Amino acid sequence: MSDQSREFHKPVRRPAELFDRRFAAEDPAEVSRVAHSTAAALLARARQDPDGEVVDRLVAFTAQYGIDDIAELWSRSPARSLPGTLWRLYLVQLMIHDDPQTAALLYERGRVEITSVDPVVAGAPTPAGPDELVQLVDTILRGLFQGDFAVALDRAAAFCRVEASGATHLADDYDHTEPDRAAALTTRALRLADYATDLTACAALWRRQSLT
């Protein structure tokens, strides 16, 4: 999927398909070293910030600068690692900020269809509109930096499962009339489900002090 150029320091609004993007690395060993060290340093710095100014900047980062700088650091990291976790959370945030209307549509459909407690764990209001989902994902991301890290991951995983449920059911609706749209929704549902699984695993690793 193509990536449109942007001017330096200008807000970026990218297609939700960027959620699927991956970046190449020339030196995997060096990229891994930098990814893990920067993720650990960033998290430590944010948690030592008594006024929350660093956290505010981190939460707003992708809206102001886009995803490229973060991707260069973390996108090649294993899913169940600290940099991999941060990368996926930023992708989820960008997906919602970029198209909150679709995110809200998927969430509401998923909330109605899903039979688990995930909507309660995610913590979105009922009903959840675009503005509420933007606020929710920013709150979850903020929790990574200044709250209970594992709880934030559990909330993010629950959110992804609700969205995946909504995408799956909408894909079924469009299967016969708009097969391309149904296929895109199915792809999103699968990826969201994978992210939910990885985020839940990372929460367990964090609780065992094994997420690095």
N, C-alpha and C. Protein backbone atom coordinates (compact mmCIF):
# COMPACT_ATOMS: atom_id res chain seq x y z
N MET A 1 0.82 -1.18 0.00
CA MET A 1 0.00 0.00 0.00
C MET A 1 0.87 1.25 0.00
N SER A 2 0.45 2.21 -0.74
CA SER A 2 1.29 3.38 -0.94
C SER A 2 1.26 4.29 0.27
N ASP A 3 2.33 5.06 0.38
CA ASP A 3 2.49 5.99 1.50
C ASP A 3 2.72 7.37 0.90
N GLN A 4 1.76 8.26 1.09
CA GLN A 4 1.88 9.58 0.51
C GLN A 4 2.89 10.41 1.28
N SER A 5 3.60 11.26 0.57
CA SER A 5 4.60 12.11 1.21
C SER A 5 3.92 13.17 2.06
N ARG A 6 4.65 13.67 3.04
CA ARG A 6 4.09 14.69 3.92
C ARG A 6 5.14 15.75 4.19
N GLU A 7 4.69 16.95 4.55
CA GLU A 7 5.61 18.01 4.90
C GLU A 7 6.04 17.84 6.34
N PHE A 8 7.25 18.26 6.62
CA PHE A 8 7.81 18.10 7.95
C PHE A 8 7.00 18.85 8.98
N HIS A 9 6.70 18.15 10.08
CA HIS A 9 6.00 18.73 11.24
C HIS A 9 4.55 19.09 10.96
N LYS A 10 3.96 18.62 9.87
CA LYS A 10 2.55 18.89 9.65
C LYS A 10 1.73 17.67 10.04
N PRO A 11 0.50 17.89 10.53
CA PRO A 11 -0.33 16.75 10.91
C PRO A 11 -0.54 15.81 9.74
N VAL A 12 -0.64 14.54 10.05
CA VAL A 12 -0.75 13.52 9.02
C VAL A 12 -2.08 12.79 9.17
N ARG A 13 -2.78 12.62 8.06
CA ARG A 13 -3.98 11.79 8.05
C ARG A 13 -3.78 10.72 6.98
N ARG A 14 -3.52 9.52 7.40
CA ARG A 14 -3.19 8.46 6.46
C ARG A 14 -4.32 7.44 6.40
N PRO A 15 -4.37 6.68 5.31
CA PRO A 15 -5.43 5.67 5.19
C PRO A 15 -5.35 4.65 6.31
N ALA A 16 -6.49 4.11 6.67
CA ALA A 16 -6.50 3.09 7.72
C ALA A 16 -5.70 1.86 7.30
N GLU A 17 -5.47 1.70 5.98
CA GLU A 17 -4.69 0.55 5.51
C GLU A 17 -3.25 0.60 6.00
N LEU A 18 -2.79 1.78 6.49
CA LEU A 18 -1.44 1.85 7.03
C LEU A 18 -1.30 0.92 8.23
N PHE A 19 -2.43 0.55 8.81
CA PHE A 19 -2.46 -0.43 9.89
C PHE A 19 -1.75 -1.72 9.47
N ASP A 20 -1.75 -2.02 8.16
CA ASP A 20 -1.18 -3.25 7.66
C ASP A 20 0.28 -3.12 7.26
N ARG A 21 0.86 -1.94 7.41
CA ARG A 21 2.15 -1.66 6.81
C ARG A 21 3.31 -2.31 7.57
N ARG A 22 4.34 -2.66 6.82
CA ARG A 22 5.57 -3.16 7.42
C ARG A 22 6.75 -2.45 6.76
N PHE A 23 7.85 -2.31 7.48
CA PHE A 23 9.01 -1.60 6.96
C PHE A 23 10.22 -2.52 6.91
N ALA A 24 11.08 -2.29 5.93
CA ALA A 24 12.27 -3.11 5.76
C ALA A 24 13.38 -2.63 6.69
N ALA A 25 14.32 -3.53 6.97
CA ALA A 25 15.47 -3.18 7.81
C ALA A 25 16.72 -3.70 7.15
N GLU A 26 17.76 -2.88 7.09
CA GLU A 26 19.01 -3.30 6.46
C GLU A 26 19.88 -4.12 7.40
N ASP A 27 19.84 -3.81 8.68
CA ASP A 27 20.68 -4.51 9.66
C ASP A 27 19.79 -4.95 10.82
N PRO A 28 19.20 -6.15 10.75
CA PRO A 28 18.25 -6.58 11.77
C PRO A 28 18.81 -6.56 13.19
N ALA A 29 20.06 -6.94 13.36
CA ALA A 29 20.63 -6.97 14.70
C ALA A 29 20.71 -5.58 15.31
N GLU A 30 21.16 -4.61 14.50
CA GLU A 30 21.26 -3.24 14.99
C GLU A 30 19.89 -2.63 15.22
N VAL A 31 18.96 -2.92 14.30
CA VAL A 31 17.60 -2.41 14.47
C VAL A 31 16.99 -2.96 15.76
N SER A 32 17.21 -4.24 16.03
CA SER A 32 16.67 -4.85 17.25
C SER A 32 17.26 -4.19 18.49
N ARG A 33 18.57 -3.98 18.47
CA ARG A 33 19.23 -3.36 19.63
C ARG A 33 18.67 -1.96 19.89
N VAL A 34 18.57 -1.17 18.84
CA VAL A 34 18.07 0.20 18.98
C VAL A 34 16.61 0.19 19.40
N ALA A 35 15.83 -0.70 18.82
CA ALA A 35 14.41 -0.76 19.16
C ALA A 35 14.19 -1.05 20.64
N HIS A 36 14.87 -2.04 21.16
CA HIS A 36 14.67 -2.40 22.56
C HIS A 36 15.20 -1.32 23.50
N SER A 37 16.35 -0.74 23.19
CA SER A 37 16.92 0.27 24.07
C SER A 37 16.09 1.54 24.07
N THR A 38 15.60 1.96 22.90
CA THR A 38 14.80 3.19 22.85
C THR A 38 13.44 2.99 23.51
N ALA A 39 12.83 1.82 23.33
CA ALA A 39 11.54 1.57 23.95
C ALA A 39 11.66 1.59 25.47
N ALA A 40 12.70 0.95 25.99
CA ALA A 40 12.90 0.92 27.45
C ALA A 40 13.20 2.31 27.99
N ALA A 41 14.03 3.06 27.28
CA ALA A 41 14.39 4.40 27.73
C ALA A 41 13.19 5.34 27.69
N LEU A 42 12.39 5.24 26.63
CA LEU A 42 11.22 6.09 26.50
C LEU A 42 10.22 5.80 27.61
N LEU A 43 9.97 4.54 27.89
CA LEU A 43 9.02 4.18 28.93
C LEU A 43 9.51 4.66 30.29
N ALA A 44 10.80 4.48 30.57
CA ALA A 44 11.34 4.92 31.84
C ALA A 44 11.25 6.44 31.99
N ARG A 45 11.55 7.15 30.91
CA ARG A 45 11.49 8.61 30.96
C ARG A 45 10.07 9.09 31.20
N ALA A 46 9.11 8.48 30.55
CA ALA A 46 7.71 8.90 30.71
C ALA A 46 7.24 8.65 32.14
N ARG A 47 7.65 7.55 32.72
CA ARG A 47 7.19 7.21 34.07
C ARG A 47 7.89 8.03 35.16
N GLN A 48 8.96 8.70 34.79
CA GLN A 48 9.65 9.57 35.74
C GLN A 48 9.21 11.03 35.62
N ASP A 49 8.26 11.29 34.73
CA ASP A 49 7.82 12.66 34.47
C ASP A 49 6.65 13.00 35.40
N PRO A 50 6.88 13.78 36.46
CA PRO A 50 5.82 14.03 37.44
C PRO A 50 4.70 14.90 36.90
N ASP A 51 4.98 15.74 35.91
CA ASP A 51 3.96 16.65 35.39
C ASP A 51 3.20 16.10 34.20
N GLY A 52 3.64 14.99 33.65
CA GLY A 52 2.93 14.39 32.52
C GLY A 52 3.18 15.04 31.19
N GLU A 53 4.12 15.99 31.11
CA GLU A 53 4.35 16.68 29.85
C GLU A 53 4.93 15.74 28.80
N VAL A 54 5.82 14.88 29.21
CA VAL A 54 6.40 13.90 28.28
C VAL A 54 5.30 12.96 27.78
N VAL A 55 4.44 12.52 28.68
CA VAL A 55 3.35 11.63 28.29
C VAL A 55 2.43 12.31 27.29
N ASP A 56 2.11 13.57 27.53
CA ASP A 56 1.26 14.31 26.59
C ASP A 56 1.86 14.32 25.20
N ARG A 57 3.17 14.53 25.12
CA ARG A 57 3.83 14.56 23.81
C ARG A 57 3.83 13.19 23.16
N LEU A 58 4.03 12.15 23.96
CA LEU A 58 4.05 10.80 23.41
C LEU A 58 2.68 10.38 22.89
N VAL A 59 1.63 10.73 23.61
CA VAL A 59 0.28 10.38 23.18
C VAL A 59 -0.08 11.10 21.88
N ALA A 60 0.38 12.35 21.76
CA ALA A 60 0.04 13.16 20.58
C ALA A 60 1.02 12.98 19.42
N PHE A 61 2.02 12.14 19.59
CA PHE A 61 3.12 12.09 18.62
C PHE A 61 2.66 11.77 17.21
N THR A 62 1.90 10.70 17.03
CA THR A 62 1.54 10.28 15.67
C THR A 62 0.63 11.29 14.99
N ALA A 63 -0.21 11.96 15.76
CA ALA A 63 -1.09 12.96 15.16
C ALA A 63 -0.30 14.13 14.60
N GLN A 64 0.83 14.44 15.23
CA GLN A 64 1.63 15.58 14.80
C GLN A 64 2.68 15.20 13.76
N TYR A 65 3.31 14.03 13.95
CA TYR A 65 4.45 13.70 13.11
C TYR A 65 4.23 12.50 12.19
N GLY A 66 3.13 11.78 12.35
CA GLY A 66 2.95 10.57 11.56
C GLY A 66 3.60 9.37 12.23
N ILE A 67 3.72 8.30 11.48
CA ILE A 67 4.16 7.03 12.05
C ILE A 67 5.57 6.65 11.61
N ASP A 68 6.14 7.33 10.63
CA ASP A 68 7.39 6.88 10.02
C ASP A 68 8.54 6.80 11.02
N ASP A 69 8.70 7.82 11.86
CA ASP A 69 9.82 7.83 12.79
C ASP A 69 9.73 6.66 13.77
N ILE A 70 8.52 6.40 14.26
CA ILE A 70 8.33 5.28 15.17
C ILE A 70 8.58 3.96 14.44
N ALA A 71 8.10 3.89 13.22
CA ALA A 71 8.25 2.65 12.45
C ALA A 71 9.71 2.29 12.25
N GLU A 72 10.53 3.30 11.99
CA GLU A 72 11.95 3.04 11.79
C GLU A 72 12.59 2.39 13.01
N LEU A 73 12.05 2.65 14.18
CA LEU A 73 12.61 2.11 15.41
C LEU A 73 12.02 0.75 15.79
N TRP A 74 10.70 0.60 15.66
CA TRP A 74 10.02 -0.51 16.33
C TRP A 74 9.28 -1.48 15.43
N SER A 75 9.07 -1.17 14.17
CA SER A 75 8.16 -1.98 13.37
C SER A 75 8.66 -3.39 13.09
N ARG A 76 9.97 -3.61 13.17
CA ARG A 76 10.52 -4.94 12.90
C ARG A 76 10.69 -5.79 14.16
N SER A 77 10.28 -5.25 15.28
CA SER A 77 10.45 -5.99 16.54
C SER A 77 9.43 -7.11 16.66
N PRO A 78 9.77 -8.17 17.40
CA PRO A 78 8.80 -9.24 17.63
C PRO A 78 7.53 -8.70 18.27
N ALA A 79 6.42 -9.31 17.94
CA ALA A 79 5.14 -8.84 18.47
C ALA A 79 5.12 -8.85 19.99
N ARG A 80 5.74 -9.87 20.57
CA ARG A 80 5.70 -10.01 22.02
C ARG A 80 7.01 -9.52 22.64
N SER A 81 7.24 -8.23 22.44
CA SER A 81 8.39 -7.53 23.00
C SER A 81 7.93 -6.13 23.34
N LEU A 82 8.72 -5.42 24.13
CA LEU A 82 8.33 -4.05 24.50
C LEU A 82 8.20 -3.14 23.28
N PRO A 83 9.20 -3.06 22.39
CA PRO A 83 9.04 -2.20 21.21
C PRO A 83 7.93 -2.68 20.29
N GLY A 84 7.76 -4.00 20.17
CA GLY A 84 6.68 -4.51 19.34
C GLY A 84 5.31 -4.13 19.89
N THR A 85 5.19 -4.15 21.21
CA THR A 85 3.93 -3.76 21.84
C THR A 85 3.64 -2.28 21.62
N LEU A 86 4.64 -1.44 21.84
CA LEU A 86 4.43 -0.01 21.64
C LEU A 86 4.08 0.29 20.19
N TRP A 87 4.74 -0.38 19.25
CA TRP A 87 4.45 -0.18 17.82
C TRP A 87 3.00 -0.52 17.52
N ARG A 88 2.52 -1.64 18.02
CA ARG A 88 1.15 -2.04 17.73
C ARG A 88 0.14 -1.09 18.37
N LEU A 89 0.43 -0.61 19.55
CA LEU A 89 -0.48 0.34 20.18
C LEU A 89 -0.54 1.65 19.40
N TYR A 90 0.60 2.10 18.88
CA TYR A 90 0.58 3.31 18.06
C TYR A 90 -0.18 3.08 16.76
N LEU A 91 -0.07 1.89 16.19
CA LEU A 91 -0.83 1.59 14.97
C LEU A 91 -2.33 1.62 15.24
N VAL A 92 -2.74 1.04 16.36
CA VAL A 92 -4.16 1.06 16.72
C VAL A 92 -4.62 2.50 16.92
N GLN A 93 -3.81 3.29 17.62
CA GLN A 93 -4.16 4.70 17.81
C GLN A 93 -4.31 5.41 16.48
N LEU A 94 -3.36 5.20 15.57
CA LEU A 94 -3.41 5.87 14.29
C LEU A 94 -4.62 5.43 13.48
N MET A 95 -4.95 4.15 13.53
CA MET A 95 -6.11 3.64 12.83
C MET A 95 -7.38 4.37 13.26
N ILE A 96 -7.52 4.61 14.56
CA ILE A 96 -8.72 5.26 15.07
C ILE A 96 -8.70 6.75 14.77
N HIS A 97 -7.58 7.41 14.98
CA HIS A 97 -7.49 8.84 14.70
C HIS A 97 -7.73 9.12 13.22
N ASP A 98 -7.25 8.23 12.37
CA ASP A 98 -7.34 8.45 10.94
C ASP A 98 -8.77 8.30 10.42
N ASP A 99 -9.52 7.37 10.99
CA ASP A 99 -10.89 7.13 10.52
C ASP A 99 -11.77 6.76 11.71
N PRO A 100 -12.08 7.72 12.57
CA PRO A 100 -12.85 7.40 13.77
C PRO A 100 -14.28 6.96 13.47
N GLN A 101 -14.84 7.41 12.33
CA GLN A 101 -16.19 7.00 11.99
C GLN A 101 -16.28 5.50 11.75
N THR A 102 -15.32 4.97 10.95
CA THR A 102 -15.32 3.53 10.71
C THR A 102 -15.01 2.77 11.99
N ALA A 103 -14.07 3.26 12.78
CA ALA A 103 -13.75 2.60 14.04
C ALA A 103 -14.98 2.52 14.94
N ALA A 104 -15.76 3.60 15.00
CA ALA A 104 -16.96 3.61 15.82
C ALA A 104 -18.01 2.64 15.28
N LEU A 105 -18.13 2.58 13.96
CA LEU A 105 -19.07 1.65 13.35
C LEU A 105 -18.71 0.21 13.70
N LEU A 106 -17.44 -0.13 13.56
CA LEU A 106 -16.99 -1.48 13.88
C LEU A 106 -17.17 -1.78 15.37
N TYR A 107 -16.84 -0.82 16.20
CA TYR A 107 -16.92 -1.05 17.64
C TYR A 107 -18.36 -1.30 18.08
N GLU A 108 -19.27 -0.47 17.60
CA GLU A 108 -20.66 -0.63 18.00
C GLU A 108 -21.24 -1.94 17.52
N ARG A 109 -20.89 -2.33 16.29
CA ARG A 109 -21.38 -3.62 15.79
C ARG A 109 -20.77 -4.76 16.61
N GLY A 110 -19.48 -4.66 16.89
CA GLY A 110 -18.84 -5.68 17.70
C GLY A 110 -19.39 -5.76 19.10
N ARG A 111 -19.67 -4.60 19.68
CA ARG A 111 -20.20 -4.58 21.05
C ARG A 111 -21.54 -5.31 21.12
N VAL A 112 -22.37 -5.15 20.11
CA VAL A 112 -23.67 -5.81 20.08
C VAL A 112 -23.53 -7.32 19.87
N GLU A 113 -22.57 -7.71 19.04
CA GLU A 113 -22.46 -9.12 18.65
C GLU A 113 -21.62 -9.97 19.60
N ILE A 114 -20.61 -9.37 20.22
CA ILE A 114 -19.67 -10.17 21.01
C ILE A 114 -20.33 -10.65 22.30
N THR A 115 -19.95 -11.83 22.76
CA THR A 115 -20.56 -12.40 23.95
C THR A 115 -19.64 -12.37 25.17
N SER A 116 -18.45 -11.80 25.01
CA SER A 116 -17.50 -11.74 26.12
C SER A 116 -17.66 -10.43 26.90
N VAL A 117 -16.80 -10.26 27.91
CA VAL A 117 -16.82 -9.03 28.71
C VAL A 117 -15.90 -7.97 28.13
N ASP A 118 -15.40 -8.19 26.92
CA ASP A 118 -14.42 -7.27 26.34
C ASP A 118 -14.90 -5.82 26.27
N PRO A 119 -16.16 -5.53 25.93
CA PRO A 119 -16.59 -4.12 25.93
C PRO A 119 -16.44 -3.46 27.30
N VAL A 120 -16.67 -4.23 28.35
CA VAL A 120 -16.52 -3.68 29.71
C VAL A 120 -15.05 -3.44 30.01
N VAL A 121 -14.19 -4.38 29.63
CA VAL A 121 -12.75 -4.24 29.89
C VAL A 121 -12.18 -3.07 29.10
N ALA A 122 -12.60 -2.92 27.85
CA ALA A 122 -12.09 -1.83 27.02
C ALA A 122 -12.44 -0.47 27.63
N GLY A 123 -13.65 -0.36 28.15
CA GLY A 123 -14.01 0.85 28.88
C GLY A 123 -14.61 1.97 28.06
N ALA A 124 -15.08 1.68 26.86
CA ALA A 124 -15.72 2.72 26.05
C ALA A 124 -17.13 2.96 26.56
N PRO A 125 -17.66 4.19 26.42
CA PRO A 125 -19.04 4.43 26.81
C PRO A 125 -20.00 3.72 25.86
N THR A 126 -21.27 3.64 26.24
CA THR A 126 -22.29 3.01 25.41
C THR A 126 -23.41 4.01 25.13
N PRO A 127 -23.64 4.35 23.85
CA PRO A 127 -22.87 3.92 22.67
C PRO A 127 -21.57 4.72 22.56
N ALA A 128 -20.65 4.21 21.77
CA ALA A 128 -19.35 4.86 21.59
C ALA A 128 -19.28 5.47 20.19
N GLY A 129 -19.24 6.79 20.11
CA GLY A 129 -19.11 7.47 18.83
C GLY A 129 -17.66 7.72 18.49
N PRO A 130 -17.40 8.36 17.36
CA PRO A 130 -16.02 8.63 16.94
C PRO A 130 -15.19 9.38 17.98
N ASP A 131 -15.76 10.43 18.56
CA ASP A 131 -15.01 11.21 19.54
C ASP A 131 -14.67 10.38 20.77
N GLU A 132 -15.61 9.56 21.19
CA GLU A 132 -15.39 8.74 22.37
C GLU A 132 -14.29 7.71 22.12
N LEU A 133 -14.22 7.17 20.91
CA LEU A 133 -13.19 6.18 20.63
C LEU A 133 -11.80 6.82 20.53
N VAL A 134 -11.73 8.01 19.97
CA VAL A 134 -10.46 8.73 19.95
C VAL A 134 -9.97 8.98 21.38
N GLN A 135 -10.90 9.41 22.23
CA GLN A 135 -10.53 9.65 23.63
C GLN A 135 -10.14 8.35 24.32
N LEU A 136 -10.84 7.26 24.00
CA LEU A 136 -10.53 5.98 24.63
C LEU A 136 -9.13 5.50 24.28
N VAL A 137 -8.76 5.52 23.01
CA VAL A 137 -7.45 5.00 22.63
C VAL A 137 -6.34 5.87 23.18
N ASP A 138 -6.57 7.19 23.26
CA ASP A 138 -5.56 8.05 23.87
C ASP A 138 -5.42 7.78 25.36
N THR A 139 -6.53 7.48 26.01
CA THR A 139 -6.49 7.14 27.43
C THR A 139 -5.74 5.83 27.66
N ILE A 140 -5.99 4.86 26.79
CA ILE A 140 -5.28 3.58 26.91
C ILE A 140 -3.79 3.78 26.71
N LEU A 141 -3.42 4.56 25.69
CA LEU A 141 -2.00 4.81 25.44
C LEU A 141 -1.37 5.57 26.60
N ARG A 142 -2.10 6.50 27.17
CA ARG A 142 -1.59 7.22 28.33
C ARG A 142 -1.35 6.27 29.50
N GLY A 143 -2.22 5.26 29.63
CA GLY A 143 -2.05 4.29 30.70
C GLY A 143 -0.78 3.49 30.59
N LEU A 144 -0.29 3.30 29.35
CA LEU A 144 0.98 2.61 29.17
C LEU A 144 2.12 3.37 29.82
N PHE A 145 2.06 4.69 29.73
CA PHE A 145 3.18 5.52 30.15
C PHE A 145 3.10 5.98 31.60
N GLN A 146 1.91 6.03 32.17
CA GLN A 146 1.84 6.53 33.54
C GLN A 146 0.86 5.77 34.43
N GLY A 147 0.33 4.67 33.95
CA GLY A 147 -0.58 3.88 34.75
C GLY A 147 -0.07 2.46 34.90
N ASP A 148 -1.01 1.53 35.04
CA ASP A 148 -0.67 0.11 35.11
C ASP A 148 -0.50 -0.40 33.68
N PHE A 149 0.73 -0.70 33.32
CA PHE A 149 1.06 -1.07 31.94
C PHE A 149 0.25 -2.29 31.49
N ALA A 150 0.18 -3.31 32.34
CA ALA A 150 -0.52 -4.53 31.97
C ALA A 150 -2.01 -4.29 31.80
N VAL A 151 -2.60 -3.48 32.66
CA VAL A 151 -4.02 -3.17 32.54
C VAL A 151 -4.28 -2.43 31.23
N ALA A 152 -3.39 -1.52 30.86
CA ALA A 152 -3.55 -0.79 29.60
C ALA A 152 -3.50 -1.76 28.42
N LEU A 153 -2.61 -2.73 28.48
CA LEU A 153 -2.53 -3.73 27.41
C LEU A 153 -3.79 -4.58 27.36
N ASP A 154 -4.31 -4.96 28.52
CA ASP A 154 -5.54 -5.74 28.55
C ASP A 154 -6.70 -4.95 27.95
N ARG A 155 -6.76 -3.66 28.25
CA ARG A 155 -7.83 -2.83 27.68
C ARG A 155 -7.68 -2.71 26.17
N ALA A 156 -6.44 -2.55 25.71
CA ALA A 156 -6.20 -2.46 24.27
C ALA A 156 -6.57 -3.76 23.58
N ALA A 157 -6.23 -4.89 24.19
CA ALA A 157 -6.57 -6.19 23.62
C ALA A 157 -8.08 -6.37 23.53
N ALA A 158 -8.78 -5.98 24.59
CA ALA A 158 -10.24 -6.09 24.59
C ALA A 158 -10.84 -5.21 23.51
N PHE A 159 -10.31 -4.00 23.36
CA PHE A 159 -10.79 -3.11 22.31
C PHE A 159 -10.60 -3.76 20.94
N CYS A 160 -9.44 -4.34 20.70
CA CYS A 160 -9.16 -4.97 19.41
C CYS A 160 -10.11 -6.13 19.15
N ARG A 161 -10.44 -6.89 20.18
CA ARG A 161 -11.37 -8.00 19.98
C ARG A 161 -12.77 -7.52 19.63
N VAL A 162 -13.21 -6.43 20.25
CA VAL A 162 -14.53 -5.87 19.92
C VAL A 162 -14.53 -5.37 18.48
N GLU A 163 -13.47 -4.66 18.10
CA GLU A 163 -13.36 -4.17 16.72
C GLU A 163 -13.32 -5.33 15.73
N ALA A 164 -12.59 -6.37 16.07
CA ALA A 164 -12.50 -7.54 15.19
C ALA A 164 -13.86 -8.20 15.01
N SER A 165 -14.62 -8.28 16.09
CA SER A 165 -15.96 -8.84 16.00
C SER A 165 -16.83 -8.00 15.06
N GLY A 166 -16.76 -6.69 15.22
CA GLY A 166 -17.54 -5.82 14.35
C GLY A 166 -17.14 -5.95 12.90
N ALA A 167 -15.84 -6.01 12.63
CA ALA A 167 -15.35 -6.13 11.26
C ALA A 167 -15.79 -7.46 10.65
N THR A 168 -15.77 -8.52 11.44
CA THR A 168 -16.18 -9.84 10.94
C THR A 168 -17.65 -9.85 10.55
N HIS A 169 -18.50 -9.29 11.39
CA HIS A 169 -19.93 -9.29 11.10
C HIS A 169 -20.28 -8.36 9.94
N LEU A 170 -19.60 -7.23 9.85
CA LEU A 170 -19.84 -6.36 8.70
C LEU A 170 -19.36 -7.02 7.41
N ALA A 171 -18.26 -7.75 7.48
CA ALA A 171 -17.78 -8.47 6.30
C ALA A 171 -18.83 -9.47 5.83
N ASP A 172 -19.47 -10.14 6.76
CA ASP A 172 -20.54 -11.07 6.38
C ASP A 172 -21.68 -10.34 5.68
N ASP A 173 -21.99 -9.13 6.17
CA ASP A 173 -23.08 -8.35 5.55
C ASP A 173 -22.77 -8.00 4.10
N TYR A 174 -21.51 -7.69 3.82
CA TYR A 174 -21.12 -7.23 2.49
C TYR A 174 -20.64 -8.35 1.57
N ASP A 175 -20.63 -9.56 2.07
CA ASP A 175 -20.00 -10.66 1.35
C ASP A 175 -20.58 -10.85 -0.06
N HIS A 176 -21.89 -10.73 -0.20
CA HIS A 176 -22.54 -10.99 -1.49
C HIS A 176 -22.69 -9.74 -2.35
N THR A 177 -22.76 -8.58 -1.72
CA THR A 177 -22.99 -7.35 -2.49
C THR A 177 -21.72 -6.57 -2.80
N GLU A 178 -20.75 -6.57 -1.88
CA GLU A 178 -19.50 -5.85 -2.08
C GLU A 178 -18.33 -6.74 -1.61
N PRO A 179 -17.96 -7.72 -2.42
CA PRO A 179 -16.95 -8.68 -1.97
C PRO A 179 -15.59 -8.05 -1.66
N ASP A 180 -15.21 -7.00 -2.37
CA ASP A 180 -13.92 -6.35 -2.08
C ASP A 180 -13.93 -5.72 -0.69
N ARG A 181 -15.03 -5.07 -0.38
CA ARG A 181 -15.14 -4.46 0.95
C ARG A 181 -15.18 -5.54 2.02
N ALA A 182 -15.88 -6.62 1.74
CA ALA A 182 -15.93 -7.73 2.69
C ALA A 182 -14.54 -8.30 2.93
N ALA A 183 -13.75 -8.44 1.86
CA ALA A 183 -12.40 -8.98 2.00
C ALA A 183 -11.53 -8.05 2.84
N ALA A 184 -11.65 -6.73 2.62
CA ALA A 184 -10.87 -5.77 3.40
C ALA A 184 -11.24 -5.83 4.87
N LEU A 185 -12.53 -5.95 5.15
CA LEU A 185 -12.97 -6.04 6.54
C LEU A 185 -12.50 -7.34 7.19
N THR A 186 -12.50 -8.42 6.44
CA THR A 186 -12.01 -9.69 6.97
C THR A 186 -10.53 -9.61 7.31
N THR A 187 -9.76 -8.97 6.42
CA THR A 187 -8.33 -8.78 6.68
C THR A 187 -8.11 -7.97 7.95
N ARG A 188 -8.89 -6.92 8.10
CA ARG A 188 -8.75 -6.10 9.31
C ARG A 188 -9.12 -6.90 10.55
N ALA A 189 -10.18 -7.67 10.46
CA ALA A 189 -10.62 -8.46 11.61
C ALA A 189 -9.53 -9.45 12.04
N LEU A 190 -8.91 -10.11 11.07
CA LEU A 190 -7.86 -11.07 11.39
C LEU A 190 -6.67 -10.40 12.05
N ARG A 191 -6.30 -9.24 11.53
CA ARG A 191 -5.15 -8.54 12.10
C ARG A 191 -5.46 -8.03 13.50
N LEU A 192 -6.65 -7.50 13.70
CA LEU A 192 -7.05 -7.04 15.03
C LEU A 192 -7.07 -8.20 16.02
N ALA A 193 -7.55 -9.35 15.57
CA ALA A 193 -7.57 -10.52 16.45
C ALA A 193 -6.16 -10.95 16.82
N ASP A 194 -5.25 -10.91 15.84
CA ASP A 194 -3.86 -11.25 16.13
C ASP A 194 -3.25 -10.25 17.12
N TYR A 195 -3.54 -8.98 16.93
CA TYR A 195 -3.01 -7.97 17.84
C TYR A 195 -3.55 -8.19 19.25
N ALA A 196 -4.83 -8.52 19.34
CA ALA A 196 -5.42 -8.77 20.66
C ALA A 196 -4.71 -9.90 21.37
N THR A 197 -4.42 -10.98 20.63
CA THR A 197 -3.72 -12.13 21.22
C THR A 197 -2.33 -11.73 21.70
N ASP A 198 -1.62 -10.97 20.86
CA ASP A 198 -0.27 -10.55 21.23
C ASP A 198 -0.28 -9.59 22.43
N LEU A 199 -1.22 -8.67 22.46
CA LEU A 199 -1.29 -7.71 23.56
C LEU A 199 -1.62 -8.40 24.88
N THR A 200 -2.51 -9.38 24.83
CA THR A 200 -2.82 -10.14 26.03
C THR A 200 -1.60 -10.90 26.53
N ALA A 201 -0.86 -11.49 25.60
CA ALA A 201 0.37 -12.20 25.97
C ALA A 201 1.39 -11.25 26.56
N CYS A 202 1.49 -10.05 26.00
CA CYS A 202 2.45 -9.07 26.52
C CYS A 202 2.06 -8.59 27.91
N ALA A 203 0.77 -8.48 28.16
CA ALA A 203 0.33 -8.11 29.51
C ALA A 203 0.77 -9.16 30.52
N ALA A 204 0.64 -10.43 30.15
CA ALA A 204 1.09 -11.51 31.05
C ALA A 204 2.60 -11.47 31.24
N LEU A 205 3.35 -11.20 30.17
CA LEU A 205 4.79 -11.10 30.27
C LEU A 205 5.20 -9.93 31.17
N TRP A 206 4.51 -8.81 31.05
CA TRP A 206 4.82 -7.64 31.89
C TRP A 206 4.61 -7.96 33.36
N ARG A 207 3.53 -8.67 33.66
CA ARG A 207 3.25 -9.02 35.05
C ARG A 207 4.31 -9.95 35.63
N ARG A 208 4.96 -10.72 34.74
CA ARG A 208 6.03 -11.60 35.19
C ARG A 208 7.41 -10.92 35.06
N GLN A 209 7.38 -9.64 34.73
CA GLN A 209 8.60 -8.85 34.53
C GLN A 209 9.48 -9.48 33.45
N SER A 210 8.85 -9.99 32.40
CA SER A 210 9.57 -10.66 31.32
C SER A 210 9.40 -9.99 29.97
N LEU A 211 8.73 -8.85 29.93
CA LEU A 211 8.53 -8.15 28.66
C LEU A 211 9.70 -7.21 28.44
N THR A 212 10.54 -7.49 27.46
CA THR A 212 11.71 -6.69 27.20
C THR A 212 11.78 -6.30 25.73
